[in-house]
């Protein structure tokens, strides 16, 4: 999985697989898009206006993996 965050655009993207072909984007809401690969698997999830969506975490993205925790501050 790869997580990226564009500070200027305030967009977070979680990519689960390397892009191997065309994806279809499903607009779930005004702030969430999900990219689906041709085989039906989820390629990635895009969070628009990410800092507001993560407001419960005080504008931080918290990554937990392998027993470790890392915080990434998002744009205000």
PDB file of N, CA and C in Angstrom:
ATOM      1  N   UNK A   1       0.843  -1.170   0.000  1.00  0.00           N
ATOM      2  CA  UNK A   1       0.000   0.000   0.000  1.00  0.00           C
ATOM      3  C   UNK A   1       0.891   1.237   0.000  1.00  0.00           C
ATOM      4  N   UNK A   2       0.478   2.251  -0.727  1.00  0.00           N
ATOM      5  CA  UNK A   2       1.195   3.515  -0.755  1.00  0.00           C
ATOM      6  C   UNK A   2       0.213   4.615  -0.384  1.00  0.00           C
ATOM      7  N   UNK A   3       0.634   5.472   0.524  1.00  0.00           N
ATOM      8  CA  UNK A   3      -0.185   6.593   0.945  1.00  0.00           C
ATOM      9  C   UNK A   3       0.495   7.871   0.520  1.00  0.00           C
ATOM     10  N   UNK A   4      -0.233   8.739  -0.162  1.00  0.00           N
ATOM     11  CA  UNK A   4       0.336  10.024  -0.552  1.00  0.00           C
ATOM     12  C   UNK A   4      -0.612  11.140  -0.131  1.00  0.00           C
ATOM     13  N   UNK A   5      -0.023  12.321   0.081  1.00  0.00           N
ATOM     14  CA  UNK A   5      -0.819  13.478   0.476  1.00  0.00           C
ATOM     15  C   UNK A   5      -0.284  14.705  -0.237  1.00  0.00           C
ATOM     16  N   UNK A   6      -1.164  15.402  -0.934  1.00  0.00           N
ATOM     17  CA  UNK A   6      -0.822  16.629  -1.646  1.00  0.00           C
ATOM     18  C   UNK A   6      -1.247  17.802  -0.769  1.00  0.00           C
ATOM     19  N   UNK A   7      -0.271  18.496  -0.201  1.00  0.00           N
ATOM     20  CA  UNK A   7      -0.548  19.591   0.729  1.00  0.00           C
ATOM     21  C   UNK A   7      -1.317  20.721   0.047  1.00  0.00           C
ATOM     22  N   UNK A   8      -0.899  21.106  -1.153  1.00  0.00           N
ATOM     23  CA  UNK A   8      -1.544  22.227  -1.852  1.00  0.00           C
ATOM     24  C   UNK A   8      -2.996  21.928  -2.201  1.00  0.00           C
ATOM     25  N   UNK A   9      -3.262  20.728  -2.666  1.00  0.00           N
ATOM     26  CA  UNK A   9      -4.621  20.353  -3.059  1.00  0.00           C
ATOM     27  C   UNK A   9      -5.430  19.784  -1.898  1.00  0.00           C
ATOM     28  N   UNK A  10      -4.751  19.453  -0.782  1.00  0.00           N
ATOM     29  CA  UNK A  10      -5.395  18.861   0.393  1.00  0.00           C
ATOM     30  C   UNK A  10      -6.112  17.555   0.035  1.00  0.00           C
ATOM     31  N   UNK A  11      -5.387  16.694  -0.686  1.00  0.00           N
ATOM     32  CA  UNK A  11      -5.935  15.409  -1.132  1.00  0.00           C
ATOM     33  C   UNK A  11      -5.041  14.280  -0.631  1.00  0.00           C
ATOM     34  N   UNK A  12      -5.657  13.295   0.000  1.00  0.00           N
ATOM     35  CA  UNK A  12      -4.944  12.089   0.424  1.00  0.00           C
ATOM     36  C   UNK A  12      -5.344  10.949  -0.511  1.00  0.00           C
ATOM     37  N   UNK A  13      -4.382  10.090  -0.841  1.00  0.00           N
ATOM     38  CA  UNK A  13      -4.679   8.949  -1.717  1.00  0.00           C
ATOM     39  C   UNK A  13      -4.025   7.700  -1.159  1.00  0.00           C
ATOM     40  N   UNK A  14      -4.837   6.658  -0.988  1.00  0.00           N
ATOM     41  CA  UNK A  14      -4.342   5.361  -0.543  1.00  0.00           C
ATOM     42  C   UNK A  14      -4.391   4.410  -1.733  1.00  0.00           C
ATOM     43  N   UNK A  15      -3.210   3.991  -2.193  1.00  0.00           N
ATOM     44  CA  UNK A  15      -3.134   3.071  -3.326  1.00  0.00           C
ATOM     45  C   UNK A  15      -2.835   1.681  -2.791  1.00  0.00           C
ATOM     46  N   UNK A  16      -3.648   0.703  -3.173  1.00  0.00           N
ATOM     47  CA  UNK A  16      -3.496  -0.662  -2.690  1.00  0.00           C
ATOM     48  C   UNK A  16      -2.730  -1.559  -3.650  1.00  0.00           C
ATOM     49  N   UNK A  17      -2.769  -1.237  -4.938  1.00  0.00           N
ATOM     50  CA  UNK A  17      -2.097  -2.046  -5.951  1.00  0.00           C
ATOM     51  C   UNK A  17      -1.419  -1.125  -6.957  1.00  0.00           C
ATOM     52  N   UNK A  18      -0.366  -1.615  -7.598  1.00  0.00           N
ATOM     53  CA  UNK A  18       0.230  -0.864  -8.695  1.00  0.00           C
ATOM     54  C   UNK A  18      -0.750  -0.876  -9.857  1.00  0.00           C
ATOM     55  N   UNK A  19      -0.823   0.240 -10.547  1.00  0.00           N
ATOM     56  CA  UNK A  19      -1.756   0.359 -11.665  1.00  0.00           C
ATOM     57  C   UNK A  19      -1.318  -0.559 -12.798  1.00  0.00           C
ATOM     58  N   UNK A  20      -2.207  -1.457 -13.198  1.00  0.00           N
ATOM     59  CA  UNK A  20      -1.874  -2.408 -14.255  1.00  0.00           C
ATOM     60  C   UNK A  20      -2.788  -2.264 -15.463  1.00  0.00           C
ATOM     61  N   UNK A  21      -3.637  -1.272 -15.445  1.00  0.00           N
ATOM     62  CA  UNK A  21      -4.557  -1.067 -16.556  1.00  0.00           C
ATOM     63  C   UNK A  21      -5.513   0.059 -16.226  1.00  0.00           C
ATOM     64  N   UNK A  22      -6.609   0.070 -16.925  1.00  0.00           N
ATOM     65  CA  UNK A  22      -7.618   1.099 -16.741  1.00  0.00           C
ATOM     66  C   UNK A  22      -8.360   0.906 -15.423  1.00  0.00           C
ATOM     67  N   UNK A  23      -8.656   2.014 -14.754  1.00  0.00           N
ATOM     68  CA  UNK A  23      -9.471   1.962 -13.546  1.00  0.00           C
ATOM     69  C   UNK A  23     -10.738   2.771 -13.769  1.00  0.00           C
ATOM     70  N   UNK A  24     -11.775   2.405 -13.052  1.00  0.00           N
ATOM     71  CA  UNK A  24     -13.031   3.129 -13.069  1.00  0.00           C
ATOM     72  C   UNK A  24     -13.169   3.832 -11.731  1.00  0.00           C
ATOM     73  N   UNK A  25     -13.483   5.122 -11.766  1.00  0.00           N
ATOM     74  CA  UNK A  25     -13.623   5.887 -10.536  1.00  0.00           C
ATOM     75  C   UNK A  25     -15.090   5.977 -10.138  1.00  0.00           C
ATOM     76  N   UNK A  26     -15.373   5.537  -8.918  1.00  0.00           N
ATOM     77  CA  UNK A  26     -16.719   5.631  -8.360  1.00  0.00           C
ATOM     78  C   UNK A  26     -16.752   6.802  -7.392  1.00  0.00           C
ATOM     79  N   UNK A  27     -17.647   7.752  -7.641  1.00  0.00           N
ATOM     80  CA  UNK A  27     -17.785   8.893  -6.745  1.00  0.00           C
ATOM     81  C   UNK A  27     -18.738   8.478  -5.628  1.00  0.00           C
ATOM     82  N   UNK A  28     -18.195   8.295  -4.439  1.00  0.00           N
ATOM     83  CA  UNK A  28     -18.983   7.852  -3.295  1.00  0.00           C
ATOM     84  C   UNK A  28     -19.694   9.038  -2.658  1.00  0.00           C
ATOM     85  N   UNK A  29     -18.997  10.181  -2.606  1.00  0.00           N
ATOM     86  CA  UNK A  29     -19.575  11.423  -2.079  1.00  0.00           C
ATOM     87  C   UNK A  29     -18.814  12.576  -2.718  1.00  0.00           C
ATOM     88  N   UNK A  30     -19.097  13.800  -2.300  1.00  0.00           N
ATOM     89  CA  UNK A  30     -18.370  14.949  -2.830  1.00  0.00           C
ATOM     90  C   UNK A  30     -16.904  14.926  -2.429  1.00  0.00           C
ATOM     91  N   UNK A  31     -16.549  14.109  -1.436  1.00  0.00           N
ATOM     92  CA  UNK A  31     -15.186  14.111  -0.929  1.00  0.00           C
ATOM     93  C   UNK A  31     -14.480  12.765  -0.967  1.00  0.00           C
ATOM     94  N   UNK A  32     -15.130  11.718  -1.488  1.00  0.00           N
ATOM     95  CA  UNK A  32     -14.512  10.391  -1.528  1.00  0.00           C
ATOM     96  C   UNK A  32     -14.731   9.756  -2.901  1.00  0.00           C
ATOM     97  N   UNK A  33     -13.615   9.322  -3.502  1.00  0.00           N
ATOM     98  CA  UNK A  33     -13.653   8.579  -4.757  1.00  0.00           C
ATOM     99  C   UNK A  33     -12.931   7.251  -4.552  1.00  0.00           C
ATOM    100  N   UNK A  34     -13.450   6.208  -5.162  1.00  0.00           N
ATOM    101  CA  UNK A  34     -12.804   4.903  -5.104  1.00  0.00           C
ATOM    102  C   UNK A  34     -12.497   4.455  -6.525  1.00  0.00           C
ATOM    103  N   UNK A  35     -11.248   4.088  -6.774  1.00  0.00           N
ATOM    104  CA  UNK A  35     -10.820   3.597  -8.080  1.00  0.00           C
ATOM    105  C   UNK A  35     -10.859   2.076  -8.072  1.00  0.00           C
ATOM    106  N   UNK A  36     -11.591   1.517  -9.034  1.00  0.00           N
ATOM    107  CA  UNK A  36     -11.774   0.068  -9.161  1.00  0.00           C
ATOM    108  C   UNK A  36     -11.049  -0.425 -10.406  1.00  0.00           C
ATOM    109  N   UNK A  37     -10.229  -1.460 -10.247  1.00  0.00           N
ATOM    110  CA  UNK A  37      -9.524  -2.065 -11.379  1.00  0.00           C
ATOM    111  C   UNK A  37     -10.500  -2.911 -12.204  1.00  0.00           C
ATOM    112  N   UNK A  38     -10.087  -3.266 -13.397  1.00  0.00           N
ATOM    113  CA  UNK A  38     -10.940  -4.040 -14.308  1.00  0.00           C
ATOM    114  C   UNK A  38     -11.385  -5.368 -13.716  1.00  0.00           C
ATOM    115  N   UNK A  39     -10.553  -5.968 -12.837  1.00  0.00           N
ATOM    116  CA  UNK A  39     -10.909  -7.254 -12.237  1.00  0.00           C
ATOM    117  C   UNK A  39     -11.806  -7.104 -11.002  1.00  0.00           C
ATOM    118  N   UNK A  40     -12.196  -5.853 -10.680  1.00  0.00           N
ATOM    119  CA  UNK A  40     -13.110  -5.621  -9.570  1.00  0.00           C
ATOM    120  C   UNK A  40     -12.442  -5.305  -8.246  1.00  0.00           C
ATOM    121  N   UNK A  41     -11.120  -5.380  -8.187  1.00  0.00           N
ATOM    122  CA  UNK A  41     -10.432  -5.067  -6.938  1.00  0.00           C
ATOM    123  C   UNK A  41     -10.306  -3.548  -6.777  1.00  0.00           C
ATOM    124  N   UNK A  42     -10.180  -3.126  -5.543  1.00  0.00           N
ATOM    125  CA  UNK A  42     -10.015  -1.704  -5.275  1.00  0.00           C
ATOM    126  C   UNK A  42      -8.570  -1.328  -5.530  1.00  0.00           C
ATOM    127  N   UNK A  43      -8.362  -0.383  -6.447  1.00  0.00           N
ATOM    128  CA  UNK A  43      -7.025   0.121  -6.753  1.00  0.00           C
ATOM    129  C   UNK A  43      -6.618   1.162  -5.713  1.00  0.00           C
ATOM    130  N   UNK A  44      -7.527   2.094  -5.386  1.00  0.00           N
ATOM    131  CA  UNK A  44      -7.182   3.122  -4.423  1.00  0.00           C
ATOM    132  C   UNK A  44      -8.388   3.923  -3.974  1.00  0.00           C
ATOM    133  N   UNK A  45      -8.174   4.707  -2.912  1.00  0.00           N
ATOM    134  CA  UNK A  45      -9.214   5.557  -2.346  1.00  0.00           C
ATOM    135  C   UNK A  45      -8.657   6.970  -2.248  1.00  0.00           C
ATOM    136  N   UNK A  46      -9.417   7.928  -2.769  1.00  0.00           N
ATOM    137  CA  UNK A  46      -9.015   9.323  -2.761  1.00  0.00           C
ATOM    138  C   UNK A  46      -9.906  10.103  -1.788  1.00  0.00           C
ATOM    139  N   UNK A  47      -9.273  10.857  -0.897  1.00  0.00           N
ATOM    140  CA  UNK A  47      -9.992  11.706   0.051  1.00  0.00           C
ATOM    141  C   UNK A  47      -9.758  13.159  -0.323  1.00  0.00           C
ATOM    142  N   UNK A  48     -10.792  13.810  -0.832  1.00  0.00           N
ATOM    143  CA  UNK A  48     -10.718  15.228  -1.142  1.00  0.00           C
ATOM    144  C   UNK A  48     -11.014  16.002   0.136  1.00  0.00           C
ATOM    145  N   UNK A  49     -10.402  17.182   0.280  1.00  0.00           N
ATOM    146  CA  UNK A  49     -10.583  17.975   1.497  1.00  0.00           C
ATOM    147  C   UNK A  49     -10.219  17.118   2.717  1.00  0.00           C
ATOM    148  N   UNK A  50      -9.069  16.490   2.625  1.00  0.00           N
ATOM    149  CA  UNK A  50      -8.648  15.472   3.593  1.00  0.00           C
ATOM    150  C   UNK A  50      -8.574  15.971   5.023  1.00  0.00           C
ATOM    151  N   UNK A  51      -8.094  17.189   5.244  1.00  0.00           N
ATOM    152  CA  UNK A  51      -7.939  17.637   6.629  1.00  0.00           C
ATOM    153  C   UNK A  51      -9.284  17.759   7.337  1.00  0.00           C
ATOM    154  N   UNK A  52     -10.347  18.136   6.627  1.00  0.00           N
ATOM    155  CA  UNK A  52     -11.665  18.209   7.264  1.00  0.00           C
ATOM    156  C   UNK A  52     -12.250  16.817   7.499  1.00  0.00           C
ATOM    157  N   UNK A  53     -11.994  15.885   6.612  1.00  0.00           N
ATOM    158  CA  UNK A  53     -12.499  14.530   6.790  1.00  0.00           C
ATOM    159  C   UNK A  53     -11.836  13.848   7.978  1.00  0.00           C
ATOM    160  N   UNK A  54     -10.632  14.283   8.285  1.00  0.00           N
ATOM    161  CA  UNK A  54      -9.896  13.693   9.391  1.00  0.00           C
ATOM    162  C   UNK A  54      -9.945  14.584  10.627  1.00  0.00           C
ATOM    163  N   UNK A  55     -10.950  15.443  10.704  1.00  0.00           N
ATOM    164  CA  UNK A  55     -11.052  16.415  11.800  1.00  0.00           C
ATOM    165  C   UNK A  55     -11.097  15.752  13.174  1.00  0.00           C
ATOM    166  N   UNK A  56     -11.680  14.579  13.292  1.00  0.00           N
ATOM    167  CA  UNK A  56     -11.722  13.888  14.579  1.00  0.00           C
ATOM    168  C   UNK A  56     -10.324  13.557  15.086  1.00  0.00           C
ATOM    169  N   UNK A  57      -9.370  13.494  14.181  1.00  0.00           N
ATOM    170  CA  UNK A  57      -7.982  13.233  14.548  1.00  0.00           C
ATOM    171  C   UNK A  57      -7.177  14.531  14.543  1.00  0.00           C
ATOM    172  N   UNK A  58      -7.882  15.661  14.679  1.00  0.00           N
ATOM    173  CA  UNK A  58      -7.257  16.982  14.778  1.00  0.00           C
ATOM    174  C   UNK A  58      -6.364  17.299  13.583  1.00  0.00           C
ATOM    175  N   UNK A  59      -6.850  16.950  12.371  1.00  0.00           N
ATOM    176  CA  UNK A  59      -6.104  17.264  11.158  1.00  0.00           C
ATOM    177  C   UNK A  59      -4.851  16.446  10.958  1.00  0.00           C
ATOM    178  N   UNK A  60      -4.800  15.279  11.564  1.00  0.00           N
ATOM    179  CA  UNK A  60      -3.636  14.403  11.434  1.00  0.00           C
ATOM    180  C   UNK A  60      -4.056  13.088  10.787  1.00  0.00           C
ATOM    181  N   UNK A  61      -3.172  12.552  10.015  1.00  0.00           N
ATOM    182  CA  UNK A  61      -3.352  11.214   9.470  1.00  0.00           C
ATOM    183  C   UNK A  61      -2.509  10.297  10.332  1.00  0.00           C
ATOM    184  N   UNK A  62      -3.131   9.303  10.938  1.00  0.00           N
ATOM    185  CA  UNK A  62      -2.423   8.393  11.826  1.00  0.00           C
ATOM    186  C   UNK A  62      -2.285   7.042  11.130  1.00  0.00           C
ATOM    187  N   UNK A  63      -1.046   6.609  10.967  1.00  0.00           N
ATOM    188  CA  UNK A  63      -0.764   5.351  10.281  1.00  0.00           C
ATOM    189  C   UNK A  63      -0.287   4.339  11.309  1.00  0.00           C
ATOM    190  N   UNK A  64      -0.993   3.224  11.401  1.00  0.00           N
ATOM    191  CA  UNK A  64      -0.594   2.154  12.312  1.00  0.00           C
ATOM    192  C   UNK A  64      -0.282   0.915  11.488  1.00  0.00           C
ATOM    193  N   UNK A  65       0.912   0.376  11.675  1.00  0.00           N
ATOM    194  CA  UNK A  65       1.310  -0.825  10.947  1.00  0.00           C
ATOM    195  C   UNK A  65       2.426  -1.524  11.708  1.00  0.00           C
ATOM    196  N   UNK A  66       2.325  -2.810  11.807  1.00  0.00           N
ATOM    197  CA  UNK A  66       3.377  -3.600  12.435  1.00  0.00           C
ATOM    198  C   UNK A  66       3.679  -3.200  13.866  1.00  0.00           C
ATOM    199  N   UNK A  67       2.660  -2.755  14.576  1.00  0.00           N
ATOM    200  CA  UNK A  67       2.850  -2.358  15.962  1.00  0.00           C
ATOM    201  C   UNK A  67       3.455  -0.972  16.135  1.00  0.00           C
ATOM    202  N   UNK A  68       3.676  -0.264  15.037  1.00  0.00           N
ATOM    203  CA  UNK A  68       4.236   1.080  15.101  1.00  0.00           C
ATOM    204  C   UNK A  68       3.184   2.082  14.652  1.00  0.00           C
ATOM    205  N   UNK A  69       3.304   3.303  15.157  1.00  0.00           N
ATOM    206  CA  UNK A  69       2.349   4.352  14.840  1.00  0.00           C
ATOM    207  C   UNK A  69       3.111   5.583  14.379  1.00  0.00           C
ATOM    208  N   UNK A  70       2.652   6.171  13.301  1.00  0.00           N
ATOM    209  CA  UNK A  70       3.270   7.404  12.802  1.00  0.00           C
ATOM    210  C   UNK A  70       2.172   8.389  12.473  1.00  0.00           C
ATOM    211  N   UNK A  71       2.354   9.657  12.813  1.00  0.00           N
ATOM    212  CA  UNK A  71       1.388  10.703  12.531  1.00  0.00           C
ATOM    213  C   UNK A  71       1.928  11.626  11.455  1.00  0.00           C
ATOM    214  N   UNK A  72       1.033  12.036  10.543  1.00  0.00           N
ATOM    215  CA  UNK A  72       1.384  12.980   9.493  1.00  0.00           C
ATOM    216  C   UNK A  72       0.416  14.150   9.625  1.00  0.00           C
ATOM    217  N   UNK A  73       0.937  15.365   9.839  1.00  0.00           N
ATOM    218  CA  UNK A  73       0.094  16.552   9.955  1.00  0.00           C
ATOM    219  C   UNK A  73      -0.402  16.935   8.556  1.00  0.00           C
ATOM    220  N   UNK A  74      -1.680  17.282   8.472  1.00  0.00           N
ATOM    221  CA  UNK A  74      -2.269  17.687   7.205  1.00  0.00           C
ATOM    222  C   UNK A  74      -2.444  19.206   7.193  1.00  0.00           C
ATOM    223  N   UNK A  75      -2.667  19.763   6.020  1.00  0.00           N
ATOM    224  CA  UNK A  75      -2.828  21.216   5.884  1.00  0.00           C
ATOM    225  C   UNK A  75      -4.009  21.711   6.708  1.00  0.00           C
ATOM    226  N   UNK A  76      -3.860  22.881   7.255  1.00  0.00           N
ATOM    227  CA  UNK A  76      -4.925  23.468   8.070  1.00  0.00           C
ATOM    228  C   UNK A  76      -5.964  24.115   7.208  1.00  0.00           C
TER     229      UNK A  76
END
